[in-house]
Amino acid sequence: MPINYPGARSVIQHPENPELFLLMKQYIRKEDGSIVEYFSIPGGRVDADPETRTIETFEQTAAREAKEETDLDVEVVKYLGSYGMFWGRDNSGNSCSYTVFLVRALHDRVDTTKNPDQNEDAIDVIWITKDQLDDYQISNQNLLSILKNMSLTE
């Protein structure tokens, strides 16, 4: 039976220029072998530890995923929206309901090579403004809508 996982994503705001935010360049290999380039933001599933019976908050997940995928330390600024999506890498029917937060980077030294999850495929990052969004293929239309409608002020 398919599972819907809770998750969180981070729109990472540049520490010195609040009009800039980070996109991760990624690739996915389609069933026909072709490779598609797209852009997304850091994010993943909420971690839960059954031994200690602790579950991350959505804000903790957003900050942890930003650190894992970019090596940026961040502080959560505000909630931006939520959306759901099916995972395209398998035919399990599994999905994730994401809560999206605006977070502010505490420095701008990005490193995508330290991610402990070898299944992640971020190969580069770029800092863009909202006006540049149409120049990039965003991974999900619901995410694109949140990005286009977000306010980058507190």
N, C-alpha and C. Protein backbone atom coordinates (compact mmCIF):
# COMPACT_ATOMS: atom_id res chain seq x y z
N MET A 1 0.84 -1.18 0.00
CA MET A 1 0.00 0.00 0.00
C MET A 1 0.88 1.25 0.00
N PRO A 2 0.62 2.20 -0.88
CA PRO A 2 1.43 3.42 -0.94
C PRO A 2 1.38 4.21 0.38
N ILE A 3 2.48 4.89 0.65
CA ILE A 3 2.62 5.69 1.87
C ILE A 3 2.78 7.15 1.50
N ASN A 4 2.15 8.04 2.29
CA ASN A 4 2.37 9.48 2.15
C ASN A 4 3.20 9.93 3.34
N TYR A 5 4.41 10.41 3.07
CA TYR A 5 5.34 10.82 4.12
C TYR A 5 5.24 12.33 4.36
N PRO A 6 5.40 12.77 5.61
CA PRO A 6 5.52 14.21 5.86
C PRO A 6 6.94 14.66 5.55
N GLY A 7 7.08 15.87 5.04
CA GLY A 7 8.41 16.39 4.73
C GLY A 7 8.44 17.90 4.78
N ALA A 8 9.62 18.45 4.63
CA ALA A 8 9.79 19.91 4.63
C ALA A 8 10.85 20.29 3.61
N ARG A 9 10.71 21.49 3.07
CA ARG A 9 11.66 22.03 2.09
C ARG A 9 12.05 23.44 2.50
N SER A 10 13.21 23.88 2.01
CA SER A 10 13.76 25.18 2.38
C SER A 10 14.03 26.05 1.16
N VAL A 11 13.43 27.22 1.15
CA VAL A 11 13.83 28.27 0.21
C VAL A 11 14.92 29.04 0.96
N ILE A 12 16.18 28.85 0.54
CA ILE A 12 17.32 29.42 1.25
C ILE A 12 17.63 30.81 0.71
N GLN A 13 17.49 31.79 1.57
CA GLN A 13 17.75 33.19 1.23
C GLN A 13 19.23 33.49 1.45
N HIS A 14 19.82 34.21 0.49
CA HIS A 14 21.24 34.58 0.58
C HIS A 14 21.46 35.45 1.82
N PRO A 15 22.57 35.26 2.55
CA PRO A 15 22.79 36.02 3.78
C PRO A 15 23.04 37.51 3.58
N GLU A 16 23.53 37.90 2.41
CA GLU A 16 23.86 39.31 2.19
C GLU A 16 22.91 40.02 1.24
N ASN A 17 22.17 39.26 0.43
CA ASN A 17 21.23 39.85 -0.51
C ASN A 17 19.90 39.10 -0.39
N PRO A 18 18.94 39.64 0.37
CA PRO A 18 17.69 38.92 0.63
C PRO A 18 16.81 38.73 -0.60
N GLU A 19 17.16 39.35 -1.73
CA GLU A 19 16.39 39.13 -2.96
C GLU A 19 16.82 37.85 -3.68
N LEU A 20 17.94 37.26 -3.27
CA LEU A 20 18.45 36.04 -3.89
C LEU A 20 18.08 34.81 -3.07
N PHE A 21 17.74 33.72 -3.76
CA PHE A 21 17.54 32.45 -3.09
C PHE A 21 18.16 31.34 -3.92
N LEU A 22 18.38 30.21 -3.29
CA LEU A 22 19.15 29.13 -3.87
C LEU A 22 18.27 28.11 -4.58
N LEU A 23 18.72 27.71 -5.77
CA LEU A 23 18.15 26.57 -6.47
C LEU A 23 19.25 25.53 -6.65
N MET A 24 18.89 24.25 -6.55
CA MET A 24 19.83 23.16 -6.78
C MET A 24 19.58 22.58 -8.17
N LYS A 25 20.65 22.47 -8.95
CA LYS A 25 20.55 21.81 -10.26
C LYS A 25 20.67 20.31 -10.04
N GLN A 26 19.71 19.57 -10.61
CA GLN A 26 19.69 18.12 -10.47
C GLN A 26 19.39 17.47 -11.81
N TYR A 27 19.65 16.18 -11.89
CA TYR A 27 19.33 15.41 -13.07
C TYR A 27 18.51 14.20 -12.65
N ILE A 28 17.63 13.76 -13.51
CA ILE A 28 16.92 12.51 -13.30
C ILE A 28 16.97 11.72 -14.61
N ARG A 29 17.22 10.43 -14.48
CA ARG A 29 17.24 9.56 -15.65
C ARG A 29 15.85 8.98 -15.83
N LYS A 30 15.27 9.20 -17.00
CA LYS A 30 13.94 8.69 -17.30
C LYS A 30 14.02 7.22 -17.71
N GLU A 31 12.87 6.56 -17.75
CA GLU A 31 12.83 5.14 -18.09
C GLU A 31 13.43 4.85 -19.47
N ASP A 32 13.32 5.80 -20.40
CA ASP A 32 13.87 5.58 -21.73
C ASP A 32 15.38 5.84 -21.81
N GLY A 33 15.98 6.16 -20.64
CA GLY A 33 17.42 6.39 -20.59
C GLY A 33 17.83 7.84 -20.77
N SER A 34 16.90 8.69 -21.20
CA SER A 34 17.24 10.09 -21.39
C SER A 34 17.41 10.77 -20.03
N ILE A 35 18.18 11.84 -20.03
CA ILE A 35 18.45 12.58 -18.80
C ILE A 35 17.80 13.94 -18.89
N VAL A 36 17.09 14.31 -17.83
CA VAL A 36 16.40 15.60 -17.78
C VAL A 36 17.03 16.44 -16.67
N GLU A 37 17.38 17.68 -16.99
CA GLU A 37 17.90 18.62 -16.01
C GLU A 37 16.73 19.40 -15.43
N TYR A 38 16.74 19.59 -14.12
CA TYR A 38 15.72 20.41 -13.48
C TYR A 38 16.31 21.08 -12.24
N PHE A 39 15.54 21.96 -11.65
CA PHE A 39 15.99 22.70 -10.47
C PHE A 39 14.97 22.54 -9.35
N SER A 40 15.48 22.50 -8.13
CA SER A 40 14.61 22.33 -6.98
C SER A 40 15.23 23.04 -5.78
N ILE A 41 14.66 22.81 -4.61
CA ILE A 41 15.17 23.37 -3.37
C ILE A 41 15.43 22.21 -2.41
N PRO A 42 16.29 22.41 -1.40
CA PRO A 42 16.56 21.33 -0.46
C PRO A 42 15.30 20.89 0.28
N GLY A 43 15.23 19.61 0.56
CA GLY A 43 14.10 19.11 1.32
C GLY A 43 14.13 17.61 1.46
N GLY A 44 13.28 17.11 2.33
CA GLY A 44 13.20 15.68 2.54
C GLY A 44 12.18 15.33 3.60
N ARG A 45 12.19 14.06 3.97
CA ARG A 45 11.21 13.56 4.92
C ARG A 45 11.56 13.93 6.36
N VAL A 46 10.53 14.03 7.17
CA VAL A 46 10.68 14.24 8.61
C VAL A 46 11.31 12.99 9.21
N ASP A 47 12.34 13.16 10.04
CA ASP A 47 12.97 12.03 10.73
C ASP A 47 12.24 11.72 12.02
N ALA A 48 12.08 10.44 12.28
CA ALA A 48 11.49 9.97 13.53
C ALA A 48 12.36 8.86 14.08
N ASP A 49 12.54 8.85 15.40
CA ASP A 49 13.36 7.84 16.06
C ASP A 49 12.47 7.04 17.00
N PRO A 50 12.10 5.82 16.62
CA PRO A 50 11.21 5.03 17.46
C PRO A 50 11.81 4.66 18.82
N GLU A 51 13.15 4.56 18.88
CA GLU A 51 13.80 4.21 20.16
C GLU A 51 13.59 5.30 21.20
N THR A 52 13.81 6.55 20.79
CA THR A 52 13.66 7.66 21.74
C THR A 52 12.28 8.28 21.67
N ARG A 53 11.49 7.82 20.71
CA ARG A 53 10.13 8.32 20.50
C ARG A 53 10.14 9.83 20.25
N THR A 54 11.12 10.28 19.45
CA THR A 54 11.19 11.69 19.08
C THR A 54 10.91 11.82 17.58
N ILE A 55 10.26 12.90 17.25
CA ILE A 55 9.94 13.21 15.86
C ILE A 55 10.33 14.66 15.61
N GLU A 56 11.04 14.90 14.52
CA GLU A 56 11.42 16.26 14.15
C GLU A 56 10.18 17.11 13.88
N THR A 57 10.30 18.40 14.13
CA THR A 57 9.29 19.34 13.67
C THR A 57 9.57 19.62 12.19
N PHE A 58 8.62 20.22 11.51
CA PHE A 58 8.84 20.58 10.11
C PHE A 58 9.98 21.60 9.99
N GLU A 59 10.06 22.52 10.94
CA GLU A 59 11.14 23.52 10.92
C GLU A 59 12.50 22.85 11.09
N GLN A 60 12.60 21.88 12.00
CA GLN A 60 13.86 21.16 12.19
C GLN A 60 14.24 20.38 10.93
N THR A 61 13.24 19.78 10.29
CA THR A 61 13.50 19.05 9.05
C THR A 61 14.03 19.98 7.97
N ALA A 62 13.40 21.14 7.81
CA ALA A 62 13.83 22.11 6.79
C ALA A 62 15.28 22.52 7.02
N ALA A 63 15.64 22.81 8.28
CA ALA A 63 17.02 23.24 8.59
C ALA A 63 18.01 22.08 8.39
N ARG A 64 17.65 20.87 8.82
CA ARG A 64 18.54 19.72 8.67
C ARG A 64 18.78 19.40 7.20
N GLU A 65 17.73 19.39 6.41
CA GLU A 65 17.87 19.08 4.98
C GLU A 65 18.71 20.15 4.27
N ALA A 66 18.52 21.41 4.62
CA ALA A 66 19.35 22.47 4.03
C ALA A 66 20.82 22.23 4.34
N LYS A 67 21.11 21.85 5.58
CA LYS A 67 22.50 21.57 5.98
C LYS A 67 23.04 20.35 5.24
N GLU A 68 22.25 19.26 5.20
CA GLU A 68 22.71 18.04 4.53
C GLU A 68 22.98 18.25 3.05
N GLU A 69 22.10 18.98 2.38
CA GLU A 69 22.19 19.08 0.92
C GLU A 69 23.07 20.22 0.42
N THR A 70 23.33 21.22 1.27
CA THR A 70 24.13 22.37 0.82
C THR A 70 25.28 22.73 1.75
N ASP A 71 25.30 22.14 2.94
CA ASP A 71 26.25 22.47 4.01
C ASP A 71 26.07 23.89 4.53
N LEU A 72 24.90 24.48 4.30
CA LEU A 72 24.60 25.82 4.83
C LEU A 72 23.89 25.71 6.17
N ASP A 73 24.35 26.50 7.13
CA ASP A 73 23.61 26.67 8.38
C ASP A 73 22.55 27.72 8.11
N VAL A 74 21.33 27.47 8.57
CA VAL A 74 20.21 28.37 8.28
C VAL A 74 19.38 28.62 9.53
N GLU A 75 18.60 29.70 9.47
CA GLU A 75 17.59 29.95 10.49
C GLU A 75 16.25 30.08 9.78
N VAL A 76 15.23 29.46 10.35
CA VAL A 76 13.90 29.50 9.76
C VAL A 76 13.31 30.89 9.95
N VAL A 77 12.79 31.45 8.86
CA VAL A 77 12.19 32.79 8.88
C VAL A 77 10.68 32.70 8.97
N LYS A 78 10.06 31.94 8.04
CA LYS A 78 8.61 31.85 8.05
C LYS A 78 8.11 30.73 7.14
N TYR A 79 6.87 30.37 7.36
CA TYR A 79 6.16 29.38 6.55
C TYR A 79 5.77 30.02 5.22
N LEU A 80 5.93 29.27 4.11
CA LEU A 80 5.57 29.79 2.79
C LEU A 80 4.39 29.06 2.15
N GLY A 81 4.19 27.81 2.48
CA GLY A 81 3.11 27.06 1.86
C GLY A 81 3.36 25.57 1.98
N SER A 82 2.49 24.80 1.33
CA SER A 82 2.65 23.35 1.34
C SER A 82 2.14 22.77 0.03
N TYR A 83 2.62 21.59 -0.29
CA TYR A 83 2.17 20.89 -1.50
C TYR A 83 2.53 19.42 -1.37
N GLY A 84 1.91 18.61 -2.20
CA GLY A 84 2.20 17.19 -2.22
C GLY A 84 2.70 16.78 -3.59
N MET A 85 3.45 15.67 -3.62
CA MET A 85 3.93 15.15 -4.89
C MET A 85 4.21 13.66 -4.77
N PHE A 86 4.01 12.95 -5.88
CA PHE A 86 4.40 11.56 -5.96
C PHE A 86 5.87 11.50 -6.32
N TRP A 87 6.55 10.47 -5.83
CA TRP A 87 7.95 10.30 -6.17
C TRP A 87 8.05 9.73 -7.57
N GLY A 88 8.85 10.36 -8.39
CA GLY A 88 8.96 9.96 -9.78
C GLY A 88 10.02 8.92 -10.04
N ARG A 89 10.79 8.55 -9.02
CA ARG A 89 11.91 7.63 -9.25
C ARG A 89 11.52 6.17 -9.13
N ASP A 90 10.31 5.91 -8.68
CA ASP A 90 9.87 4.52 -8.59
C ASP A 90 8.37 4.47 -8.90
N ASN A 91 7.85 3.30 -9.00
CA ASN A 91 6.42 3.13 -9.28
C ASN A 91 5.66 2.66 -8.05
N SER A 92 6.15 3.03 -6.87
CA SER A 92 5.55 2.55 -5.62
C SER A 92 4.22 3.22 -5.31
N GLY A 93 4.00 4.39 -5.88
CA GLY A 93 2.82 5.16 -5.52
C GLY A 93 3.03 5.99 -4.26
N ASN A 94 4.25 5.91 -3.67
CA ASN A 94 4.54 6.70 -2.48
C ASN A 94 4.57 8.18 -2.82
N SER A 95 4.24 8.99 -1.83
CA SER A 95 4.20 10.43 -2.03
C SER A 95 4.71 11.14 -0.79
N CYS A 96 4.87 12.43 -0.89
CA CYS A 96 5.30 13.24 0.24
C CYS A 96 4.49 14.52 0.26
N SER A 97 4.05 14.90 1.44
CA SER A 97 3.39 16.19 1.65
C SER A 97 4.42 17.12 2.28
N TYR A 98 4.84 18.13 1.51
CA TYR A 98 5.90 19.04 1.95
C TYR A 98 5.35 20.33 2.54
N THR A 99 5.98 20.77 3.62
CA THR A 99 5.78 22.09 4.18
C THR A 99 7.00 22.91 3.78
N VAL A 100 6.79 24.09 3.19
CA VAL A 100 7.90 24.88 2.65
C VAL A 100 8.13 26.10 3.53
N PHE A 101 9.41 26.34 3.87
CA PHE A 101 9.78 27.47 4.71
C PHE A 101 10.80 28.36 4.00
N LEU A 102 10.71 29.65 4.27
CA LEU A 102 11.78 30.58 3.92
C LEU A 102 12.79 30.48 5.05
N VAL A 103 14.04 30.22 4.69
CA VAL A 103 15.11 30.17 5.68
C VAL A 103 16.23 31.11 5.23
N ARG A 104 16.94 31.66 6.17
CA ARG A 104 18.04 32.58 5.85
C ARG A 104 19.36 31.86 6.11
N ALA A 105 20.24 31.85 5.10
CA ALA A 105 21.56 31.26 5.26
C ALA A 105 22.40 32.16 6.18
N LEU A 106 23.19 31.54 7.04
CA LEU A 106 24.05 32.29 7.95
C LEU A 106 25.42 32.56 7.34
N HIS A 107 25.71 31.92 6.19
CA HIS A 107 26.93 32.15 5.40
C HIS A 107 26.61 31.70 3.98
N ASP A 108 27.51 31.93 3.04
CA ASP A 108 27.22 31.56 1.65
C ASP A 108 28.18 30.52 1.08
N ARG A 109 28.84 29.74 1.94
CA ARG A 109 29.79 28.71 1.51
C ARG A 109 29.05 27.39 1.28
N VAL A 110 28.58 27.18 0.06
CA VAL A 110 27.81 25.99 -0.29
C VAL A 110 28.74 24.84 -0.64
N ASP A 111 28.40 23.64 -0.15
CA ASP A 111 29.14 22.43 -0.51
C ASP A 111 28.13 21.30 -0.64
N THR A 112 27.91 20.82 -1.87
CA THR A 112 26.94 19.75 -2.10
C THR A 112 27.56 18.37 -2.00
N THR A 113 28.86 18.29 -1.73
CA THR A 113 29.54 16.99 -1.70
C THR A 113 29.46 16.29 -0.36
N LYS A 114 28.97 16.95 0.68
CA LYS A 114 28.96 16.36 2.02
C LYS A 114 27.66 15.64 2.35
N ASN A 115 26.73 15.60 1.42
CA ASN A 115 25.43 14.98 1.69
C ASN A 115 25.62 13.50 2.00
N PRO A 116 25.14 13.04 3.17
CA PRO A 116 25.30 11.63 3.52
C PRO A 116 24.41 10.69 2.69
N ASP A 117 23.40 11.22 2.02
CA ASP A 117 22.49 10.41 1.22
C ASP A 117 23.02 10.34 -0.21
N GLN A 118 23.61 9.21 -0.57
CA GLN A 118 24.21 9.06 -1.89
C GLN A 118 23.19 9.03 -3.01
N ASN A 119 21.90 8.92 -2.67
CA ASN A 119 20.86 8.94 -3.70
C ASN A 119 20.51 10.36 -4.13
N GLU A 120 20.98 11.34 -3.36
CA GLU A 120 20.73 12.73 -3.74
C GLU A 120 21.63 13.06 -4.93
N ASP A 121 21.12 13.89 -5.81
CA ASP A 121 21.86 14.11 -7.04
C ASP A 121 22.04 15.59 -7.38
N ALA A 122 22.14 16.44 -6.36
CA ALA A 122 22.41 17.85 -6.62
C ALA A 122 23.84 17.97 -7.15
N ILE A 123 23.97 18.61 -8.30
CA ILE A 123 25.31 18.73 -8.87
C ILE A 123 25.83 20.16 -8.85
N ASP A 124 24.94 21.09 -8.62
CA ASP A 124 25.36 22.49 -8.60
C ASP A 124 24.26 23.31 -7.95
N VAL A 125 24.60 24.51 -7.54
CA VAL A 125 23.60 25.42 -7.01
C VAL A 125 23.76 26.78 -7.68
N ILE A 126 22.66 27.51 -7.72
CA ILE A 126 22.69 28.88 -8.24
C ILE A 126 21.87 29.75 -7.31
N TRP A 127 22.22 31.02 -7.26
CA TRP A 127 21.43 32.01 -6.51
C TRP A 127 20.68 32.84 -7.55
N ILE A 128 19.36 32.92 -7.42
CA ILE A 128 18.55 33.66 -8.39
C ILE A 128 17.57 34.58 -7.68
N THR A 129 16.94 35.46 -8.46
CA THR A 129 15.83 36.28 -7.97
C THR A 129 14.52 35.66 -8.46
N LYS A 130 13.42 36.07 -7.87
CA LYS A 130 12.11 35.57 -8.31
C LYS A 130 11.87 35.87 -9.78
N ASP A 131 12.36 37.02 -10.27
CA ASP A 131 12.17 37.40 -11.67
C ASP A 131 12.84 36.42 -12.63
N GLN A 132 13.79 35.63 -12.16
CA GLN A 132 14.52 34.70 -13.02
C GLN A 132 13.91 33.30 -13.03
N LEU A 133 12.86 33.05 -12.26
CA LEU A 133 12.29 31.71 -12.13
C LEU A 133 11.89 31.09 -13.47
N ASP A 134 11.34 31.89 -14.37
CA ASP A 134 10.88 31.35 -15.65
C ASP A 134 12.03 30.86 -16.54
N ASP A 135 13.27 31.19 -16.17
CA ASP A 135 14.43 30.75 -16.94
C ASP A 135 14.86 29.33 -16.58
N TYR A 136 14.22 28.72 -15.56
CA TYR A 136 14.65 27.42 -15.06
C TYR A 136 13.49 26.44 -15.00
N GLN A 137 13.78 25.18 -15.30
CA GLN A 137 12.78 24.11 -15.21
C GLN A 137 12.69 23.68 -13.75
N ILE A 138 11.63 24.08 -13.05
CA ILE A 138 11.44 23.73 -11.64
C ILE A 138 10.81 22.34 -11.57
N SER A 139 11.21 21.57 -10.56
CA SER A 139 10.86 20.15 -10.46
C SER A 139 9.37 19.86 -10.33
N ASN A 140 8.59 20.81 -9.81
CA ASN A 140 7.18 20.54 -9.54
C ASN A 140 6.39 21.84 -9.71
N GLN A 141 5.27 21.77 -10.39
CA GLN A 141 4.46 22.97 -10.66
C GLN A 141 3.89 23.59 -9.38
N ASN A 142 3.56 22.75 -8.40
CA ASN A 142 3.06 23.30 -7.13
C ASN A 142 4.16 24.06 -6.39
N LEU A 143 5.39 23.53 -6.44
CA LEU A 143 6.52 24.24 -5.86
C LEU A 143 6.76 25.55 -6.60
N LEU A 144 6.70 25.50 -7.92
CA LEU A 144 6.89 26.72 -8.72
C LEU A 144 5.88 27.79 -8.32
N SER A 145 4.65 27.42 -8.10
CA SER A 145 3.62 28.37 -7.69
C SER A 145 3.97 29.02 -6.35
N ILE A 146 4.45 28.22 -5.40
CA ILE A 146 4.86 28.77 -4.09
C ILE A 146 6.01 29.74 -4.28
N LEU A 147 7.00 29.38 -5.10
CA LEU A 147 8.16 30.24 -5.32
C LEU A 147 7.76 31.56 -5.98
N LYS A 148 6.85 31.51 -6.95
CA LYS A 148 6.44 32.73 -7.64
C LYS A 148 5.61 33.66 -6.75
N ASN A 149 4.89 33.09 -5.80
CA ASN A 149 3.99 33.88 -4.96
C ASN A 149 4.58 34.24 -3.60
N MET A 150 5.78 33.77 -3.31
CA MET A 150 6.35 34.02 -1.98
C MET A 150 6.80 35.47 -1.82
N SER A 151 6.79 35.90 -0.58
CA SER A 151 7.37 37.19 -0.22
C SER A 151 8.69 36.91 0.48
N LEU A 152 9.76 37.58 0.08
CA LEU A 152 11.06 37.36 0.66
C LEU A 152 11.34 38.29 1.84
N THR A 153 10.31 38.95 2.32
CA THR A 153 10.47 39.78 3.52
C THR A 153 9.79 39.08 4.69
N GLU A 154 10.19 39.48 5.89
CA GLU A 154 9.62 38.84 7.08
C GLU A 154 8.26 39.29 7.30
